[in-house]
Amino acid sequence: MGHAIQTAAPSLKWAFTVEGRIPSAASPPVLELVVDDIVEETTEAIVVPTDGFVDLAIRRVAGRALSEAFRGAVFVEGGLASGKAVVTPGFGLRIRHIVHCAPPVYARDSRMAHSNLVSCHCEVLRLARQQGFASIAFPALGTGVRGYPLEEAASAALTAVIDELREYGAPRLVRFVLFGPSMLEAYLEAADARLSEIRRASLADRAGRTAERR
């Protein structure tokens, strides 16, 4: 399930532990929600959506080598479709790796956009596990030039990430780096909603098992 820890003022940072779907002796992974600048992140990897404001800011700092590495990675994959991702080095950034993904354009097909946005987060975490990343930071994917409504994007993102962490227990730290208190509030509400759903389902399951034993 999960436990929330307010680690600073409400407008700055929250953290949740995310218990696995199957009980484990290992400490659970941590999900953090912070207001900060993702360019200055210190996690092992960051997630960068293609062709958006975050992408431009990252490329300014990382330099031409990042653009060349990105083109090479996309060429090897045969393109970068919506919902997919590739990994490059971090070059001039403080982090070691960048996971590039292609969030959907909301206005084209909102139903398909939801599926692709969930896929973006799941694919990024799959690559993070494959690469052995201990920590990774996401921006609010889809909420910029692609026009995804904030609350819907937050719900898709947090549901996907929490469910992946419950299933696989890795990476050990997943951080959402958000722009301003209103964005943090939307993501906090989405995290709380998903964790509450999980708690209710767990309680109902326990109650059902107890009734069967009687």
N, C-alpha and C. Protein backbone atom coordinates (compact mmCIF):
# COMPACT_ATOMS: atom_id res chain seq x y z
N MET A 1 0.85 -1.18 0.00
CA MET A 1 0.00 0.00 0.00
C MET A 1 0.89 1.23 0.00
N GLY A 2 0.86 2.06 1.05
CA GLY A 2 1.74 3.22 1.06
C GLY A 2 1.54 4.06 2.30
N HIS A 3 2.58 4.82 2.64
CA HIS A 3 2.52 5.69 3.81
C HIS A 3 3.12 7.03 3.43
N ALA A 4 2.39 8.11 3.67
CA ALA A 4 2.85 9.44 3.28
C ALA A 4 3.68 10.07 4.39
N ILE A 5 4.75 10.74 3.98
CA ILE A 5 5.61 11.46 4.91
C ILE A 5 5.77 12.88 4.38
N GLN A 6 5.32 13.85 5.14
CA GLN A 6 5.51 15.25 4.73
C GLN A 6 6.90 15.65 5.18
N THR A 7 7.83 15.80 4.21
CA THR A 7 9.23 16.03 4.56
C THR A 7 9.59 17.51 4.59
N ALA A 8 8.69 18.37 4.16
CA ALA A 8 8.93 19.81 4.22
C ALA A 8 7.57 20.49 4.20
N ALA A 9 7.57 21.81 3.99
CA ALA A 9 6.30 22.51 3.89
C ALA A 9 5.46 21.89 2.79
N PRO A 10 4.11 21.92 2.91
CA PRO A 10 3.25 21.27 1.93
C PRO A 10 3.52 21.69 0.49
N SER A 11 4.03 22.90 0.29
CA SER A 11 4.26 23.37 -1.08
C SER A 11 5.60 22.92 -1.64
N LEU A 12 6.37 22.15 -0.87
CA LEU A 12 7.71 21.80 -1.32
C LEU A 12 7.93 20.32 -1.60
N LYS A 13 7.61 19.45 -0.65
CA LYS A 13 8.01 18.05 -0.82
C LYS A 13 7.17 17.10 0.01
N TRP A 14 6.74 16.00 -0.62
CA TRP A 14 6.08 14.90 0.07
C TRP A 14 6.74 13.60 -0.37
N ALA A 15 6.71 12.60 0.50
CA ALA A 15 7.25 11.29 0.16
C ALA A 15 6.30 10.20 0.62
N PHE A 16 6.23 9.13 -0.16
CA PHE A 16 5.38 7.98 0.16
C PHE A 16 6.23 6.71 0.08
N THR A 17 6.05 5.80 1.02
CA THR A 17 6.57 4.46 0.83
C THR A 17 5.50 3.65 0.11
N VAL A 18 5.92 2.81 -0.81
CA VAL A 18 4.98 2.03 -1.62
C VAL A 18 5.21 0.56 -1.35
N GLU A 19 4.33 -0.02 -0.54
CA GLU A 19 4.46 -1.44 -0.19
C GLU A 19 4.17 -2.31 -1.40
N GLY A 20 4.90 -3.42 -1.51
CA GLY A 20 4.72 -4.34 -2.62
C GLY A 20 3.38 -5.06 -2.58
N ARG A 21 2.96 -5.52 -3.73
CA ARG A 21 1.72 -6.29 -3.81
C ARG A 21 1.86 -7.59 -3.03
N ILE A 22 3.09 -8.17 -3.05
CA ILE A 22 3.39 -9.36 -2.26
C ILE A 22 4.32 -8.93 -1.13
N PRO A 23 4.01 -9.24 0.14
CA PRO A 23 4.84 -8.81 1.26
C PRO A 23 6.30 -9.24 1.10
N SER A 24 7.21 -8.35 1.49
CA SER A 24 8.64 -8.62 1.35
C SER A 24 9.38 -8.08 2.56
N ALA A 25 10.51 -8.71 2.87
CA ALA A 25 11.34 -8.25 3.99
C ALA A 25 12.16 -7.01 3.61
N ALA A 26 12.30 -6.77 2.30
CA ALA A 26 13.07 -5.61 1.84
C ALA A 26 12.31 -4.33 2.12
N SER A 27 13.05 -3.25 2.34
CA SER A 27 12.39 -1.96 2.55
C SER A 27 11.69 -1.54 1.27
N PRO A 28 10.49 -0.95 1.37
CA PRO A 28 9.72 -0.60 0.17
C PRO A 28 10.34 0.59 -0.57
N PRO A 29 10.09 0.68 -1.88
CA PRO A 29 10.56 1.85 -2.62
C PRO A 29 9.85 3.11 -2.17
N VAL A 30 10.46 4.24 -2.48
CA VAL A 30 9.94 5.54 -2.06
C VAL A 30 9.52 6.33 -3.30
N LEU A 31 8.36 6.95 -3.20
CA LEU A 31 7.84 7.86 -4.22
C LEU A 31 7.85 9.27 -3.64
N GLU A 32 8.52 10.20 -4.32
CA GLU A 32 8.60 11.58 -3.84
C GLU A 32 7.93 12.53 -4.83
N LEU A 33 7.31 13.55 -4.29
CA LEU A 33 6.72 14.64 -5.07
C LEU A 33 7.35 15.94 -4.58
N VAL A 34 8.04 16.65 -5.47
CA VAL A 34 8.76 17.85 -5.06
C VAL A 34 8.52 18.98 -6.05
N VAL A 35 8.66 20.20 -5.58
CA VAL A 35 8.70 21.38 -6.45
C VAL A 35 10.17 21.76 -6.60
N ASP A 36 10.68 21.66 -7.83
CA ASP A 36 12.10 21.92 -8.04
C ASP A 36 12.37 22.05 -9.54
N ASP A 37 13.64 22.19 -9.89
CA ASP A 37 14.08 22.29 -11.28
C ASP A 37 14.72 20.97 -11.68
N ILE A 38 14.13 20.26 -12.63
CA ILE A 38 14.63 18.93 -12.99
C ILE A 38 16.03 18.98 -13.61
N VAL A 39 16.41 20.12 -14.16
CA VAL A 39 17.76 20.26 -14.72
C VAL A 39 18.81 20.08 -13.63
N GLU A 40 18.47 20.42 -12.39
CA GLU A 40 19.42 20.33 -11.28
C GLU A 40 19.29 19.02 -10.51
N GLU A 41 18.54 18.05 -11.04
CA GLU A 41 18.30 16.81 -10.32
C GLU A 41 19.59 16.02 -10.04
N THR A 42 19.56 15.25 -8.94
CA THR A 42 20.72 14.44 -8.55
C THR A 42 20.38 12.95 -8.52
N THR A 43 19.19 12.56 -8.99
CA THR A 43 18.89 11.14 -9.13
C THR A 43 19.82 10.53 -10.19
N GLU A 44 19.84 9.22 -10.26
CA GLU A 44 20.73 8.56 -11.23
C GLU A 44 20.31 8.86 -12.66
N ALA A 45 19.01 9.02 -12.88
CA ALA A 45 18.49 9.31 -14.22
C ALA A 45 17.33 10.28 -14.12
N ILE A 46 17.09 10.99 -15.22
CA ILE A 46 15.89 11.82 -15.32
C ILE A 46 15.15 11.45 -16.59
N VAL A 47 13.87 11.79 -16.62
CA VAL A 47 13.03 11.54 -17.79
C VAL A 47 12.80 12.86 -18.52
N VAL A 48 12.99 12.83 -19.83
CA VAL A 48 12.84 14.05 -20.63
C VAL A 48 11.86 13.77 -21.77
N PRO A 49 10.72 14.49 -21.82
CA PRO A 49 9.81 14.34 -22.95
C PRO A 49 10.38 15.04 -24.17
N THR A 50 10.25 14.42 -25.33
CA THR A 50 10.81 15.00 -26.55
C THR A 50 10.06 16.26 -26.98
N ASP A 51 10.81 17.21 -27.52
CA ASP A 51 10.24 18.40 -28.19
C ASP A 51 9.39 19.28 -27.28
N GLY A 52 9.75 19.39 -26.02
CA GLY A 52 9.02 20.27 -25.12
C GLY A 52 9.96 21.22 -24.41
N PHE A 53 9.42 21.96 -23.45
CA PHE A 53 10.22 22.95 -22.72
C PHE A 53 11.33 22.29 -21.90
N VAL A 54 11.03 21.16 -21.28
CA VAL A 54 12.05 20.45 -20.50
C VAL A 54 13.17 19.98 -21.42
N ASP A 55 12.81 19.46 -22.58
CA ASP A 55 13.79 18.99 -23.56
C ASP A 55 14.74 20.12 -23.96
N LEU A 56 14.19 21.29 -24.23
CA LEU A 56 15.02 22.43 -24.62
C LEU A 56 15.98 22.83 -23.50
N ALA A 57 15.46 22.87 -22.27
CA ALA A 57 16.31 23.26 -21.14
C ALA A 57 17.43 22.25 -20.92
N ILE A 58 17.12 20.97 -21.05
CA ILE A 58 18.13 19.92 -20.86
C ILE A 58 19.19 19.99 -21.95
N ARG A 59 18.78 20.20 -23.19
CA ARG A 59 19.74 20.23 -24.30
C ARG A 59 20.67 21.43 -24.19
N ARG A 60 20.19 22.54 -23.67
CA ARG A 60 21.05 23.71 -23.49
C ARG A 60 22.21 23.39 -22.55
N VAL A 61 21.92 22.65 -21.50
CA VAL A 61 22.94 22.33 -20.50
C VAL A 61 23.84 21.18 -20.96
N ALA A 62 23.22 20.13 -21.53
CA ALA A 62 23.97 18.93 -21.88
C ALA A 62 24.81 19.10 -23.15
N GLY A 63 24.40 19.99 -24.04
CA GLY A 63 25.19 20.27 -25.23
C GLY A 63 24.89 19.38 -26.42
N ARG A 64 25.68 19.60 -27.49
CA ARG A 64 25.44 18.93 -28.77
C ARG A 64 25.56 17.41 -28.66
N ALA A 65 26.42 16.93 -27.80
CA ALA A 65 26.63 15.47 -27.68
C ALA A 65 25.33 14.75 -27.33
N LEU A 66 24.47 15.39 -26.55
CA LEU A 66 23.20 14.76 -26.19
C LEU A 66 22.31 14.61 -27.43
N SER A 67 22.23 15.64 -28.25
CA SER A 67 21.41 15.56 -29.46
C SER A 67 21.89 14.45 -30.37
N GLU A 68 23.20 14.30 -30.50
CA GLU A 68 23.75 13.25 -31.36
C GLU A 68 23.46 11.87 -30.78
N ALA A 69 23.60 11.73 -29.46
CA ALA A 69 23.33 10.44 -28.82
C ALA A 69 21.85 10.08 -28.93
N PHE A 70 20.99 11.08 -28.80
CA PHE A 70 19.55 10.84 -28.91
C PHE A 70 19.20 10.36 -30.31
N ARG A 71 19.71 11.03 -31.32
CA ARG A 71 19.42 10.62 -32.70
C ARG A 71 19.91 9.19 -32.95
N GLY A 72 21.07 8.86 -32.41
CA GLY A 72 21.60 7.51 -32.57
C GLY A 72 20.73 6.47 -31.90
N ALA A 73 20.26 6.75 -30.68
CA ALA A 73 19.41 5.81 -29.95
C ALA A 73 18.08 5.60 -30.65
N VAL A 74 17.50 6.69 -31.16
CA VAL A 74 16.22 6.60 -31.87
C VAL A 74 16.40 5.82 -33.18
N PHE A 75 17.53 6.02 -33.86
CA PHE A 75 17.80 5.30 -35.10
C PHE A 75 17.87 3.79 -34.84
N VAL A 76 18.55 3.40 -33.78
CA VAL A 76 18.67 1.98 -33.43
C VAL A 76 17.29 1.37 -33.18
N GLU A 77 16.40 2.14 -32.54
CA GLU A 77 15.06 1.64 -32.22
C GLU A 77 14.10 1.73 -33.39
N GLY A 78 14.54 2.37 -34.47
CA GLY A 78 13.66 2.52 -35.62
C GLY A 78 12.60 3.59 -35.44
N GLY A 79 12.89 4.57 -34.58
CA GLY A 79 11.94 5.66 -34.30
C GLY A 79 11.55 5.67 -32.84
N LEU A 80 10.82 6.71 -32.47
CA LEU A 80 10.36 6.84 -31.08
C LEU A 80 8.87 7.16 -31.11
N ALA A 81 8.07 6.12 -31.08
CA ALA A 81 6.62 6.28 -31.13
C ALA A 81 6.09 6.78 -29.79
N SER A 82 4.89 7.34 -29.81
CA SER A 82 4.25 7.80 -28.58
C SER A 82 4.13 6.64 -27.59
N GLY A 83 4.54 6.90 -26.35
CA GLY A 83 4.48 5.87 -25.32
C GLY A 83 5.75 5.06 -25.19
N LYS A 84 6.75 5.31 -26.04
CA LYS A 84 8.01 4.57 -26.01
C LYS A 84 9.13 5.43 -25.43
N ALA A 85 10.31 4.82 -25.19
CA ALA A 85 11.41 5.55 -24.56
C ALA A 85 12.76 4.97 -24.98
N VAL A 86 13.81 5.82 -24.91
CA VAL A 86 15.19 5.40 -25.16
C VAL A 86 16.08 6.05 -24.10
N VAL A 87 17.29 5.48 -23.91
CA VAL A 87 18.22 5.96 -22.89
C VAL A 87 19.48 6.51 -23.54
N THR A 88 19.96 7.66 -23.01
CA THR A 88 21.26 8.21 -23.41
C THR A 88 22.03 8.58 -22.15
N PRO A 89 23.36 8.84 -22.30
CA PRO A 89 24.10 9.40 -21.16
C PRO A 89 23.61 10.81 -20.82
N GLY A 90 24.00 11.30 -19.65
CA GLY A 90 23.58 12.62 -19.20
C GLY A 90 24.48 13.75 -19.67
N PHE A 91 25.69 13.43 -20.15
CA PHE A 91 26.64 14.41 -20.64
C PHE A 91 26.88 15.53 -19.64
N GLY A 92 26.53 16.79 -19.94
CA GLY A 92 26.88 17.90 -19.06
C GLY A 92 26.01 18.07 -17.84
N LEU A 93 25.05 17.19 -17.62
CA LEU A 93 24.16 17.30 -16.46
C LEU A 93 24.76 16.62 -15.23
N ARG A 94 24.14 16.87 -14.07
CA ARG A 94 24.60 16.25 -12.83
C ARG A 94 24.23 14.78 -12.78
N ILE A 95 23.18 14.39 -13.51
CA ILE A 95 22.74 13.00 -13.51
C ILE A 95 23.56 12.21 -14.54
N ARG A 96 23.53 10.88 -14.42
CA ARG A 96 24.33 10.03 -15.31
C ARG A 96 23.59 9.61 -16.57
N HIS A 97 22.25 9.55 -16.51
CA HIS A 97 21.48 9.01 -17.63
C HIS A 97 20.23 9.85 -17.87
N ILE A 98 19.79 9.87 -19.13
CA ILE A 98 18.52 10.50 -19.50
C ILE A 98 17.67 9.46 -20.20
N VAL A 99 16.42 9.34 -19.78
CA VAL A 99 15.46 8.49 -20.48
C VAL A 99 14.53 9.43 -21.25
N HIS A 100 14.58 9.34 -22.56
CA HIS A 100 13.77 10.19 -23.43
C HIS A 100 12.49 9.45 -23.79
N CYS A 101 11.36 10.12 -23.67
CA CYS A 101 10.10 9.47 -24.04
C CYS A 101 9.25 10.43 -24.87
N ALA A 102 8.24 9.86 -25.53
CA ALA A 102 7.37 10.65 -26.41
C ALA A 102 5.94 10.62 -25.87
N PRO A 103 5.59 11.58 -25.02
CA PRO A 103 4.21 11.64 -24.51
C PRO A 103 3.22 11.93 -25.64
N PRO A 104 1.96 11.57 -25.46
CA PRO A 104 0.96 11.80 -26.50
C PRO A 104 0.47 13.25 -26.55
N VAL A 105 -0.07 13.62 -27.70
CA VAL A 105 -0.76 14.91 -27.85
C VAL A 105 -2.23 14.68 -27.48
N TYR A 106 -2.68 15.36 -26.44
CA TYR A 106 -4.00 15.07 -25.88
C TYR A 106 -5.13 15.35 -26.88
N ALA A 107 -5.03 16.43 -27.64
CA ALA A 107 -6.14 16.86 -28.50
C ALA A 107 -6.41 15.88 -29.64
N ARG A 108 -5.45 15.06 -30.01
CA ARG A 108 -5.64 14.16 -31.16
C ARG A 108 -6.64 13.05 -30.84
N ASP A 109 -6.54 12.48 -29.63
CA ASP A 109 -7.43 11.38 -29.24
C ASP A 109 -7.24 11.18 -27.74
N SER A 110 -8.13 11.74 -26.93
CA SER A 110 -7.93 11.73 -25.48
C SER A 110 -7.90 10.31 -24.91
N ARG A 111 -8.68 9.41 -25.48
CA ARG A 111 -8.68 8.03 -24.97
C ARG A 111 -7.35 7.34 -25.25
N MET A 112 -6.85 7.48 -26.48
CA MET A 112 -5.57 6.89 -26.82
C MET A 112 -4.44 7.60 -26.07
N ALA A 113 -4.61 8.92 -25.83
CA ALA A 113 -3.60 9.67 -25.10
C ALA A 113 -3.41 9.10 -23.70
N HIS A 114 -4.50 8.73 -23.04
CA HIS A 114 -4.38 8.15 -21.69
C HIS A 114 -3.56 6.86 -21.74
N SER A 115 -3.87 6.00 -22.68
CA SER A 115 -3.15 4.73 -22.81
C SER A 115 -1.67 4.97 -23.08
N ASN A 116 -1.36 5.94 -23.94
CA ASN A 116 0.04 6.20 -24.28
C ASN A 116 0.80 6.88 -23.15
N LEU A 117 0.11 7.72 -22.38
CA LEU A 117 0.77 8.36 -21.25
C LEU A 117 1.10 7.34 -20.17
N VAL A 118 0.18 6.43 -19.90
CA VAL A 118 0.47 5.33 -18.96
C VAL A 118 1.65 4.52 -19.49
N SER A 119 1.63 4.22 -20.79
CA SER A 119 2.70 3.45 -21.41
C SER A 119 4.05 4.14 -21.27
N CYS A 120 4.08 5.47 -21.41
CA CYS A 120 5.32 6.24 -21.23
C CYS A 120 5.94 5.95 -19.87
N HIS A 121 5.14 6.07 -18.83
CA HIS A 121 5.66 5.88 -17.48
C HIS A 121 6.10 4.44 -17.25
N CYS A 122 5.31 3.49 -17.73
CA CYS A 122 5.66 2.07 -17.55
C CYS A 122 6.92 1.70 -18.33
N GLU A 123 7.04 2.23 -19.55
CA GLU A 123 8.22 1.92 -20.36
C GLU A 123 9.48 2.53 -19.76
N VAL A 124 9.37 3.75 -19.24
CA VAL A 124 10.52 4.38 -18.57
C VAL A 124 10.97 3.53 -17.39
N LEU A 125 10.02 3.07 -16.57
CA LEU A 125 10.39 2.27 -15.41
C LEU A 125 10.92 0.89 -15.81
N ARG A 126 10.41 0.34 -16.90
CA ARG A 126 10.96 -0.93 -17.40
C ARG A 126 12.43 -0.75 -17.79
N LEU A 127 12.73 0.33 -18.52
CA LEU A 127 14.12 0.60 -18.90
C LEU A 127 14.99 0.88 -17.67
N ALA A 128 14.44 1.57 -16.68
CA ALA A 128 15.19 1.86 -15.46
C ALA A 128 15.55 0.56 -14.74
N ARG A 129 14.61 -0.37 -14.67
CA ARG A 129 14.92 -1.67 -14.05
C ARG A 129 15.95 -2.44 -14.87
N GLN A 130 15.77 -2.41 -16.19
CA GLN A 130 16.70 -3.11 -17.08
C GLN A 130 18.12 -2.57 -16.94
N GLN A 131 18.24 -1.25 -16.80
CA GLN A 131 19.55 -0.61 -16.68
C GLN A 131 20.09 -0.64 -15.25
N GLY A 132 19.25 -1.03 -14.30
CA GLY A 132 19.68 -1.10 -12.91
C GLY A 132 19.74 0.24 -12.21
N PHE A 133 18.95 1.23 -12.66
CA PHE A 133 18.95 2.54 -12.02
C PHE A 133 18.34 2.44 -10.62
N ALA A 134 19.00 3.02 -9.65
CA ALA A 134 18.47 3.02 -8.28
C ALA A 134 17.46 4.13 -8.07
N SER A 135 17.55 5.20 -8.86
CA SER A 135 16.65 6.34 -8.68
C SER A 135 16.42 7.02 -10.02
N ILE A 136 15.23 7.62 -10.16
CA ILE A 136 14.88 8.29 -11.40
C ILE A 136 13.87 9.40 -11.10
N ALA A 137 13.93 10.47 -11.88
CA ALA A 137 13.03 11.61 -11.67
C ALA A 137 12.24 11.90 -12.94
N PHE A 138 10.93 12.08 -12.76
CA PHE A 138 10.01 12.43 -13.85
C PHE A 138 9.59 13.90 -13.73
N PRO A 139 9.42 14.59 -14.85
CA PRO A 139 8.64 15.83 -14.85
C PRO A 139 7.16 15.47 -14.99
N ALA A 140 6.30 16.46 -15.14
CA ALA A 140 4.87 16.21 -15.36
C ALA A 140 4.65 15.96 -16.85
N LEU A 141 4.85 14.73 -17.28
CA LEU A 141 4.80 14.40 -18.69
C LEU A 141 3.45 14.75 -19.32
N GLY A 142 3.52 15.36 -20.50
CA GLY A 142 2.32 15.64 -21.27
C GLY A 142 1.62 16.94 -20.96
N THR A 143 1.99 17.60 -19.86
CA THR A 143 1.23 18.77 -19.41
C THR A 143 1.68 20.08 -20.05
N GLY A 144 2.73 20.04 -20.86
CA GLY A 144 3.23 21.26 -21.49
C GLY A 144 2.63 21.45 -22.88
N VAL A 145 3.50 21.40 -23.89
CA VAL A 145 3.06 21.67 -25.26
C VAL A 145 2.08 20.62 -25.79
N ARG A 146 2.03 19.45 -25.18
CA ARG A 146 1.12 18.41 -25.66
C ARG A 146 -0.30 18.56 -25.11
N GLY A 147 -0.51 19.51 -24.21
CA GLY A 147 -1.85 19.92 -23.82
C GLY A 147 -2.64 18.95 -22.96
N TYR A 148 -1.96 18.07 -22.22
CA TYR A 148 -2.69 17.12 -21.37
C TYR A 148 -3.21 17.84 -20.13
N PRO A 149 -4.52 17.75 -19.81
CA PRO A 149 -5.04 18.40 -18.59
C PRO A 149 -4.30 17.90 -17.35
N LEU A 150 -3.96 18.82 -16.46
CA LEU A 150 -3.10 18.50 -15.33
C LEU A 150 -3.63 17.36 -14.47
N GLU A 151 -4.89 17.44 -14.07
CA GLU A 151 -5.43 16.42 -13.16
C GLU A 151 -5.45 15.05 -13.82
N GLU A 152 -5.79 14.99 -15.10
CA GLU A 152 -5.81 13.71 -15.81
C GLU A 152 -4.39 13.15 -15.97
N ALA A 153 -3.44 14.04 -16.27
CA ALA A 153 -2.05 13.60 -16.40
C ALA A 153 -1.53 13.07 -15.07
N ALA A 154 -1.85 13.77 -13.99
CA ALA A 154 -1.39 13.34 -12.66
C ALA A 154 -1.96 11.97 -12.31
N SER A 155 -3.25 11.76 -12.58
CA SER A 155 -3.88 10.49 -12.28
C SER A 155 -3.25 9.35 -13.07
N ALA A 156 -3.04 9.56 -14.37
CA ALA A 156 -2.42 8.52 -15.21
C ALA A 156 -1.01 8.22 -14.73
N ALA A 157 -0.24 9.27 -14.43
CA ALA A 157 1.15 9.10 -14.01
C ALA A 157 1.27 8.35 -12.69
N LEU A 158 0.53 8.80 -11.69
CA LEU A 158 0.67 8.20 -10.36
C LEU A 158 0.11 6.79 -10.31
N THR A 159 -0.98 6.53 -11.02
CA THR A 159 -1.51 5.17 -11.05
C THR A 159 -0.49 4.23 -11.68
N ALA A 160 0.08 4.64 -12.82
CA ALA A 160 1.07 3.80 -13.50
C ALA A 160 2.29 3.54 -12.62
N VAL A 161 2.84 4.60 -12.03
CA VAL A 161 4.08 4.46 -11.26
C VAL A 161 3.85 3.66 -9.98
N ILE A 162 2.79 3.97 -9.26
CA ILE A 162 2.53 3.23 -8.02
C ILE A 162 2.31 1.75 -8.30
N ASP A 163 1.55 1.45 -9.34
CA ASP A 163 1.30 0.05 -9.67
C ASP A 163 2.58 -0.67 -10.08
N GLU A 164 3.44 0.01 -10.83
CA GLU A 164 4.72 -0.59 -11.21
C GLU A 164 5.61 -0.83 -10.00
N LEU A 165 5.66 0.13 -9.09
CA LEU A 165 6.48 -0.04 -7.88
C LEU A 165 5.95 -1.16 -7.00
N ARG A 166 4.65 -1.29 -6.90
CA ARG A 166 4.07 -2.39 -6.12
C ARG A 166 4.39 -3.74 -6.74
N GLU A 167 4.43 -3.78 -8.05
CA GLU A 167 4.66 -5.05 -8.76
C GLU A 167 6.13 -5.46 -8.73
N TYR A 168 7.04 -4.48 -8.93
CA TYR A 168 8.45 -4.83 -9.14
C TYR A 168 9.39 -4.34 -8.03
N GLY A 169 8.98 -3.36 -7.22
CA GLY A 169 9.82 -2.89 -6.12
C GLY A 169 11.05 -2.11 -6.53
N ALA A 170 11.11 -1.63 -7.76
CA ALA A 170 12.27 -0.90 -8.25
C ALA A 170 11.83 0.04 -9.37
N PRO A 171 12.58 1.14 -9.53
CA PRO A 171 13.74 1.62 -8.77
C PRO A 171 13.39 1.93 -7.30
N ARG A 172 14.41 2.07 -6.47
CA ARG A 172 14.16 2.28 -5.04
C ARG A 172 13.62 3.67 -4.75
N LEU A 173 13.91 4.62 -5.64
CA LEU A 173 13.39 5.98 -5.48
C LEU A 173 12.86 6.47 -6.83
N VAL A 174 11.59 6.88 -6.85
CA VAL A 174 11.01 7.55 -8.01
C VAL A 174 10.53 8.92 -7.55
N ARG A 175 11.01 9.95 -8.21
CA ARG A 175 10.70 11.33 -7.81
C ARG A 175 10.00 12.05 -8.96
N PHE A 176 8.91 12.75 -8.64
CA PHE A 176 8.27 13.65 -9.60
C PHE A 176 8.73 15.07 -9.26
N VAL A 177 9.37 15.71 -10.22
CA VAL A 177 9.87 17.08 -10.04
C VAL A 177 8.91 18.01 -10.77
N LEU A 178 8.21 18.83 -10.01
CA LEU A 178 7.04 19.55 -10.53
C LEU A 178 7.24 21.06 -10.48
N PHE A 179 6.44 21.74 -11.30
CA PHE A 179 6.57 23.19 -11.44
C PHE A 179 5.47 23.88 -10.63
N GLY A 180 5.79 24.28 -9.42
CA GLY A 180 4.88 25.09 -8.62
C GLY A 180 3.93 24.30 -7.74
N PRO A 181 3.39 24.97 -6.70
CA PRO A 181 2.51 24.33 -5.72
C PRO A 181 1.22 23.75 -6.30
N SER A 182 0.63 24.41 -7.31
CA SER A 182 -0.63 23.89 -7.85
C SER A 182 -0.42 22.55 -8.55
N MET A 183 0.71 22.41 -9.24
CA MET A 183 1.03 21.13 -9.87
C MET A 183 1.32 20.07 -8.82
N LEU A 184 2.03 20.44 -7.78
CA LEU A 184 2.31 19.51 -6.68
C LEU A 184 1.01 19.03 -6.05
N GLU A 185 0.07 19.94 -5.86
CA GLU A 185 -1.21 19.59 -5.24
C GLU A 185 -1.96 18.57 -6.10
N ALA A 186 -1.96 18.75 -7.41
CA ALA A 186 -2.64 17.81 -8.30
C ALA A 186 -2.01 16.43 -8.22
N TYR A 187 -0.70 16.37 -8.19
CA TYR A 187 -0.01 15.07 -8.13
C TYR A 187 -0.16 14.44 -6.74
N LEU A 188 -0.18 15.25 -5.72
CA LEU A 188 -0.40 14.74 -4.37
C LEU A 188 -1.79 14.12 -4.25
N GLU A 189 -2.80 14.80 -4.77
CA GLU A 189 -4.16 14.26 -4.74
C GLU A 189 -4.27 12.95 -5.52
N ALA A 190 -3.57 12.87 -6.66
CA ALA A 190 -3.60 11.65 -7.47
C ALA A 190 -2.92 10.49 -6.74
N ALA A 191 -1.80 10.77 -6.08
CA ALA A 191 -1.12 9.72 -5.33
C ALA A 191 -1.98 9.23 -4.18
N ASP A 192 -2.58 10.17 -3.46
CA ASP A 192 -3.44 9.80 -2.33
C ASP A 192 -4.64 8.99 -2.80
N ALA A 193 -5.22 9.37 -3.94
CA ALA A 193 -6.38 8.65 -4.47
C ALA A 193 -6.02 7.21 -4.83
N ARG A 194 -4.88 7.01 -5.50
CA ARG A 194 -4.49 5.65 -5.88
C ARG A 194 -4.15 4.80 -4.66
N LEU A 195 -3.42 5.37 -3.72
CA LEU A 195 -3.07 4.61 -2.52
C LEU A 195 -4.30 4.29 -1.68
N SER A 196 -5.27 5.20 -1.65
CA SER A 196 -6.52 4.93 -0.92
C SER A 196 -7.30 3.80 -1.58
N GLU A 197 -7.32 3.76 -2.92
CA GLU A 197 -7.98 2.66 -3.63
C GLU A 197 -7.33 1.32 -3.26
N ILE A 198 -6.02 1.33 -3.21
CA ILE A 198 -5.29 0.10 -2.88
C ILE A 198 -5.59 -0.34 -1.45
N ARG A 199 -5.63 0.63 -0.54
CA ARG A 199 -5.94 0.29 0.86
C ARG A 199 -7.35 -0.30 0.98
N ARG A 200 -8.32 0.31 0.30
CA ARG A 200 -9.69 -0.20 0.36
C ARG A 200 -9.78 -1.61 -0.21
N ALA A 201 -9.10 -1.84 -1.33
CA ALA A 201 -9.12 -3.17 -1.93
C ALA A 201 -8.47 -4.20 -1.02
N SER A 202 -7.40 -3.81 -0.34
CA SER A 202 -6.72 -4.72 0.57
C SER A 202 -7.60 -5.07 1.77
N LEU A 203 -8.28 -4.06 2.32
CA LEU A 203 -9.17 -4.31 3.45
C LEU A 203 -10.34 -5.21 3.04
N ALA A 204 -10.89 -4.98 1.85
CA ALA A 204 -11.99 -5.81 1.38
C ALA A 204 -11.54 -7.25 1.17
N ASP A 205 -10.31 -7.41 0.66
CA ASP A 205 -9.78 -8.76 0.45
C ASP A 205 -9.58 -9.48 1.78
N ARG A 206 -9.05 -8.76 2.76
CA ARG A 206 -8.87 -9.38 4.09
C ARG A 206 -10.21 -9.77 4.70
N ALA A 207 -11.19 -8.88 4.56
CA ALA A 207 -12.50 -9.17 5.11
C ALA A 207 -13.10 -10.39 4.44
N GLY A 208 -12.91 -10.51 3.11
CA GLY A 208 -13.43 -11.67 2.40
C GLY A 208 -12.78 -12.97 2.85
N ARG A 209 -11.45 -12.93 3.05
CA ARG A 209 -10.75 -14.13 3.50
C ARG A 209 -11.17 -14.53 4.90
N THR A 210 -11.39 -13.51 5.76
CA THR A 210 -11.85 -13.79 7.13
C THR A 210 -13.23 -14.45 7.14
N ALA A 211 -14.12 -13.94 6.29
CA ALA A 211 -15.47 -14.49 6.20
C ALA A 211 -15.43 -15.93 5.70
N GLU A 212 -14.51 -16.25 4.78
CA GLU A 212 -14.42 -17.61 4.24
C GLU A 212 -13.98 -18.60 5.30
N ARG A 213 -13.13 -18.13 6.24
CA ARG A 213 -12.60 -19.04 7.28
C ARG A 213 -13.63 -19.32 8.37
N ARG A 214 -14.67 -18.51 8.45
CA ARG A 214 -15.67 -18.70 9.51
C ARG A 214 -16.64 -19.82 9.18
